[in-house]
Amino acid sequence: MSDRLKAYARAGVDVDLGNKVKSGLPALVKKANRPEVLGKVGGFGGLFRANFPKMKDPVLVASIDGVGTKIKVAALLNRHDTIGEDLVNHCVNDIAVLGAEPLFFLDYMASERLEPHRFHQLVTGIVRGCKALAAR
């Protein structure tokens, strides 16, 4: 194990577990991608082909939000997929008031510890929320 990985382990970060949990993400997230979404899961930024022939003067709008105390309810019920959907809807609502169309989803997850089952539930909910938007 490299010195860097040992330092992460001493700090409580399980790099192997993180990699294992993230390994299933590309197939799951692909279900909600638009054709304009480029790149892959795990990059340091999202890529979106900005080609808007139907728009006269396009402006990109981005938002990222949290679900607040709904996380406590999800933890009590041990059901985290619903907060994934709520998270998507919070972000969409924030840009909808500006008249923007949702094109892509900015993601970030922070937690005290990585629990694969909860992480998978959360991402499943995010994908379900994004697919529901695309179906409109």
C-alpha atoms as a PDB file:
ATOM      1  CA  MET A   1       0.000   0.000   0.000  1.00  0.00           C
ATOM      2  CA  SER A   2       1.374   3.411  -0.952  1.00  0.00           C
ATOM      3  CA  ASP A   3       2.112   6.064   1.662  1.00  0.00           C
ATOM      4  CA  ARG A   4      -0.776   8.123   0.296  1.00  0.00           C
ATOM      5  CA  LEU A   5      -3.253   5.263   0.697  1.00  0.00           C
ATOM      6  CA  LYS A   6      -1.929   4.550   4.183  1.00  0.00           C
ATOM      7  CA  ALA A   7      -2.470   8.207   5.101  1.00  0.00           C
ATOM      8  CA  TYR A   8      -6.051   8.041   3.797  1.00  0.00           C
ATOM      9  CA  ALA A   9      -6.661   4.831   5.784  1.00  0.00           C
ATOM     10  CA  ARG A  10      -5.328   6.452   8.983  1.00  0.00           C
ATOM     11  CA  ALA A  11      -7.776   9.310   8.393  1.00  0.00           C
ATOM     12  CA  GLY A  12     -10.659   6.830   8.093  1.00  0.00           C
ATOM     13  CA  VAL A  13     -10.970   6.835   4.297  1.00  0.00           C
ATOM     14  CA  ASP A  14     -11.407   3.415   2.714  1.00  0.00           C
ATOM     15  CA  VAL A  15     -10.252   3.980  -0.866  1.00  0.00           C
ATOM     16  CA  ASP A  16     -10.923   0.366  -1.877  1.00  0.00           C
ATOM     17  CA  LEU A  17     -14.516   0.555  -0.612  1.00  0.00           C
ATOM     18  CA  GLY A  18     -15.012   3.859  -2.452  1.00  0.00           C
ATOM     19  CA  ASN A  19     -13.747   2.346  -5.684  1.00  0.00           C
ATOM     20  CA  LYS A  20     -15.935  -0.731  -5.223  1.00  0.00           C
ATOM     21  CA  VAL A  21     -19.066   1.355  -4.622  1.00  0.00           C
ATOM     22  CA  LYS A  22     -18.344   3.635  -7.592  1.00  0.00           C
ATOM     23  CA  SER A  23     -17.721   0.708  -9.957  1.00  0.00           C
ATOM     24  CA  GLY A  24     -21.454   0.223 -10.618  1.00  0.00           C
ATOM     25  CA  LEU A  25     -22.213   3.901 -11.161  1.00  0.00           C
ATOM     26  CA  PRO A  26     -21.563   4.258 -14.912  1.00  0.00           C
ATOM     27  CA  ALA A  27     -24.209   1.700 -15.888  1.00  0.00           C
ATOM     28  CA  LEU A  28     -26.748   3.134 -13.432  1.00  0.00           C
ATOM     29  CA  VAL A  29     -26.186   6.784 -14.331  1.00  0.00           C
ATOM     30  CA  LYS A  30     -26.201   6.080 -18.085  1.00  0.00           C
ATOM     31  CA  LYS A  31     -29.928   5.322 -17.784  1.00  0.00           C
ATOM     32  CA  ALA A  32     -30.607   9.017 -17.151  1.00  0.00           C
ATOM     33  CA  ASN A  33     -28.109  10.673 -19.524  1.00  0.00           C
ATOM     34  CA  ARG A  34     -29.118  12.895 -22.402  1.00  0.00           C
ATOM     35  CA  PRO A  35     -27.119  12.493 -25.634  1.00  0.00           C
ATOM     36  CA  GLU A  36     -25.398  15.828 -24.972  1.00  0.00           C
ATOM     37  CA  VAL A  37     -23.840  14.582 -21.724  1.00  0.00           C
ATOM     38  CA  LEU A  38     -20.214  13.697 -22.387  1.00  0.00           C
ATOM     39  CA  GLY A  39     -17.456  12.228 -20.289  1.00  0.00           C
ATOM     40  CA  LYS A  40     -17.716   9.611 -17.633  1.00  0.00           C
ATOM     41  CA  VAL A  41     -18.628   9.210 -13.980  1.00  0.00           C
ATOM     42  CA  GLY A  42     -15.817  10.089 -11.625  1.00  0.00           C
ATOM     43  CA  GLY A  43     -14.320  13.008 -13.481  1.00  0.00           C
ATOM     44  CA  PHE A  44     -13.676  16.304 -11.760  1.00  0.00           C
ATOM     45  CA  GLY A  45     -16.277  18.101 -13.823  1.00  0.00           C
ATOM     46  CA  GLY A  46     -19.342  17.423 -15.898  1.00  0.00           C
ATOM     47  CA  LEU A  47     -19.234  17.787 -19.668  1.00  0.00           C
ATOM     48  CA  PHE A  48     -22.215  18.848 -21.756  1.00  0.00           C
ATOM     49  CA  ARG A  49     -22.157  19.551 -25.498  1.00  0.00           C
ATOM     50  CA  ALA A  50     -23.586  23.071 -25.679  1.00  0.00           C
ATOM     51  CA  ASN A  51     -25.389  23.008 -29.002  1.00  0.00           C
ATOM     52  CA  PHE A  52     -28.750  24.770 -28.846  1.00  0.00           C
ATOM     53  CA  PRO A  53     -30.012  25.330 -32.420  1.00  0.00           C
ATOM     54  CA  LYS A  54     -33.596  25.969 -31.249  1.00  0.00           C
ATOM     55  CA  MET A  55     -32.564  28.773 -28.887  1.00  0.00           C
ATOM     56  CA  LYS A  56     -31.860  32.329 -30.012  1.00  0.00           C
ATOM     57  CA  ASP A  57     -29.634  33.441 -27.131  1.00  0.00           C
ATOM     58  CA  PRO A  58     -28.911  30.454 -24.843  1.00  0.00           C
ATOM     59  CA  VAL A  59     -27.662  30.910 -21.279  1.00  0.00           C
ATOM     60  CA  LEU A  60     -26.585  27.976 -19.107  1.00  0.00           C
ATOM     61  CA  VAL A  61     -27.919  27.934 -15.556  1.00  0.00           C
ATOM     62  CA  ALA A  62     -26.560  25.556 -12.904  1.00  0.00           C
ATOM     63  CA  SER A  63     -27.638  24.843  -9.349  1.00  0.00           C
ATOM     64  CA  ILE A  64     -26.712  22.458  -6.596  1.00  0.00           C
ATOM     65  CA  ASP A  65     -28.770  22.065  -3.451  1.00  0.00           C
ATOM     66  CA  GLY A  66     -29.268  19.820  -0.456  1.00  0.00           C
ATOM     67  CA  VAL A  67     -32.302  18.149   1.081  1.00  0.00           C
ATOM     68  CA  GLY A  68     -31.708  19.281   4.660  1.00  0.00           C
ATOM     69  CA  THR A  69     -33.579  17.507   7.423  1.00  0.00           C
ATOM     70  CA  LYS A  70     -35.190  15.020   5.023  1.00  0.00           C
ATOM     71  CA  ILE A  71     -31.967  13.056   5.511  1.00  0.00           C
ATOM     72  CA  LYS A  72     -32.979  12.416   9.133  1.00  0.00           C
ATOM     73  CA  VAL A  73     -36.352  11.051   8.026  1.00  0.00           C
ATOM     74  CA  ALA A  74     -34.655   8.857   5.408  1.00  0.00           C
ATOM     75  CA  ALA A  75     -32.266   7.506   8.045  1.00  0.00           C
ATOM     76  CA  LEU A  76     -35.153   6.688  10.402  1.00  0.00           C
ATOM     77  CA  LEU A  77     -36.938   4.810   7.608  1.00  0.00           C
ATOM     78  CA  ASN A  78     -33.692   3.365   6.215  1.00  0.00           C
ATOM     79  CA  ARG A  79     -34.860   4.482   2.783  1.00  0.00           C
ATOM     80  CA  HIS A  80     -32.623   6.884   0.906  1.00  0.00           C
ATOM     81  CA  ASP A  81     -33.827   6.650  -2.690  1.00  0.00           C
ATOM     82  CA  THR A  82     -36.555   9.221  -2.071  1.00  0.00           C
ATOM     83  CA  ILE A  83     -34.046  11.873  -1.026  1.00  0.00           C
ATOM     84  CA  GLY A  84     -32.226  11.272  -4.307  1.00  0.00           C
ATOM     85  CA  GLU A  85     -35.381  12.233  -6.168  1.00  0.00           C
ATOM     86  CA  ASP A  86     -35.975  15.166  -3.820  1.00  0.00           C
ATOM     87  CA  LEU A  87     -32.443  16.365  -4.458  1.00  0.00           C
ATOM     88  CA  VAL A  88     -32.998  16.426  -8.219  1.00  0.00           C
ATOM     89  CA  ASN A  89     -36.295  18.249  -7.785  1.00  0.00           C
ATOM     90  CA  HIS A  90     -34.787  20.863  -5.445  1.00  0.00           C
ATOM     91  CA  CYS A  91     -32.141  21.681  -8.057  1.00  0.00           C
ATOM     92  CA  VAL A  92     -34.664  21.719 -10.905  1.00  0.00           C
ATOM     93  CA  ASN A  93     -36.966  24.037  -8.971  1.00  0.00           C
ATOM     94  CA  ASP A  94     -34.054  26.418  -8.341  1.00  0.00           C
ATOM     95  CA  ILE A  95     -33.376  26.796 -12.063  1.00  0.00           C
ATOM     96  CA  ALA A  96     -37.031  26.592 -13.159  1.00  0.00           C
ATOM     97  CA  VAL A  97     -37.815  29.878 -11.402  1.00  0.00           C
ATOM     98  CA  LEU A  98     -35.253  31.414 -13.764  1.00  0.00           C
ATOM     99  CA  GLY A  99     -37.014  29.919 -16.795  1.00  0.00           C
ATOM    100  CA  ALA A 100     -34.233  27.395 -17.445  1.00  0.00           C
ATOM    101  CA  GLU A 101     -34.556  23.876 -18.837  1.00  0.00           C
ATOM    102  CA  PRO A 102     -32.819  21.127 -16.807  1.00  0.00           C
ATOM    103  CA  LEU A 103     -30.032  19.686 -18.954  1.00  0.00           C
ATOM    104  CA  PHE A 104     -27.644  17.973 -16.547  1.00  0.00           C
ATOM    105  CA  PHE A 105     -27.240  17.270 -12.853  1.00  0.00           C
ATOM    106  CA  LEU A 106     -24.329  18.430 -10.738  1.00  0.00           C
ATOM    107  CA  ASP A 107     -23.464  15.857  -8.102  1.00  0.00           C
ATOM    108  CA  TYR A 108     -21.636  15.836  -4.812  1.00  0.00           C
ATOM    109  CA  MET A 109     -21.995  13.529  -1.865  1.00  0.00           C
ATOM    110  CA  ALA A 110     -20.406  13.892   1.529  1.00  0.00           C
ATOM    111  CA  SER A 111     -21.007  11.616   4.478  1.00  0.00           C
ATOM    112  CA  GLU A 112     -19.453  10.597   7.750  1.00  0.00           C
ATOM    113  CA  ARG A 113     -18.781   7.131   6.346  1.00  0.00           C
ATOM    114  CA  LEU A 114     -19.478   5.372   3.088  1.00  0.00           C
ATOM    115  CA  GLU A 115     -22.280   2.841   3.370  1.00  0.00           C
ATOM    116  CA  PRO A 116     -22.676   1.099  -0.002  1.00  0.00           C
ATOM    117  CA  HIS A 117     -26.377   0.241   0.404  1.00  0.00           C
ATOM    118  CA  ARG A 118     -27.319   3.828   1.254  1.00  0.00           C
ATOM    119  CA  PHE A 119     -25.121   5.216  -1.487  1.00  0.00           C
ATOM    120  CA  HIS A 120     -26.755   2.916  -4.060  1.00  0.00           C
ATOM    121  CA  GLN A 121     -30.235   3.901  -2.848  1.00  0.00           C
ATOM    122  CA  LEU A 122     -29.359   7.585  -3.124  1.00  0.00           C
ATOM    123  CA  VAL A 123     -27.958   7.285  -6.650  1.00  0.00           C
ATOM    124  CA  THR A 124     -30.926   5.130  -7.720  1.00  0.00           C
ATOM    125  CA  GLY A 125     -33.246   7.922  -6.560  1.00  0.00           C
ATOM    126  CA  ILE A 126     -31.198  10.560  -8.380  1.00  0.00           C
ATOM    127  CA  VAL A 127     -31.366   8.520 -11.598  1.00  0.00           C
ATOM    128  CA  ARG A 128     -35.125   8.018 -11.173  1.00  0.00           C
ATOM    129  CA  GLY A 129     -35.565  11.781 -10.661  1.00  0.00           C
ATOM    130  CA  CYS A 130     -33.493  12.617 -13.754  1.00  0.00           C
ATOM    131  CA  LYS A 131     -35.355  10.056 -15.888  1.00  0.00           C
ATOM    132  CA  ALA A 132     -38.707  11.480 -14.763  1.00  0.00           C
ATOM    133  CA  LEU A 133     -37.596  14.941 -15.882  1.00  0.00           C
ATOM    134  CA  ALA A 134     -36.447  13.650 -19.250  1.00  0.00           C
ATOM    135  CA  ALA A 135     -39.835  11.983 -19.777  1.00  0.00           C
ATOM    136  CA  ARG A 136     -41.708  15.291 -19.478  1.00  0.00           C
END
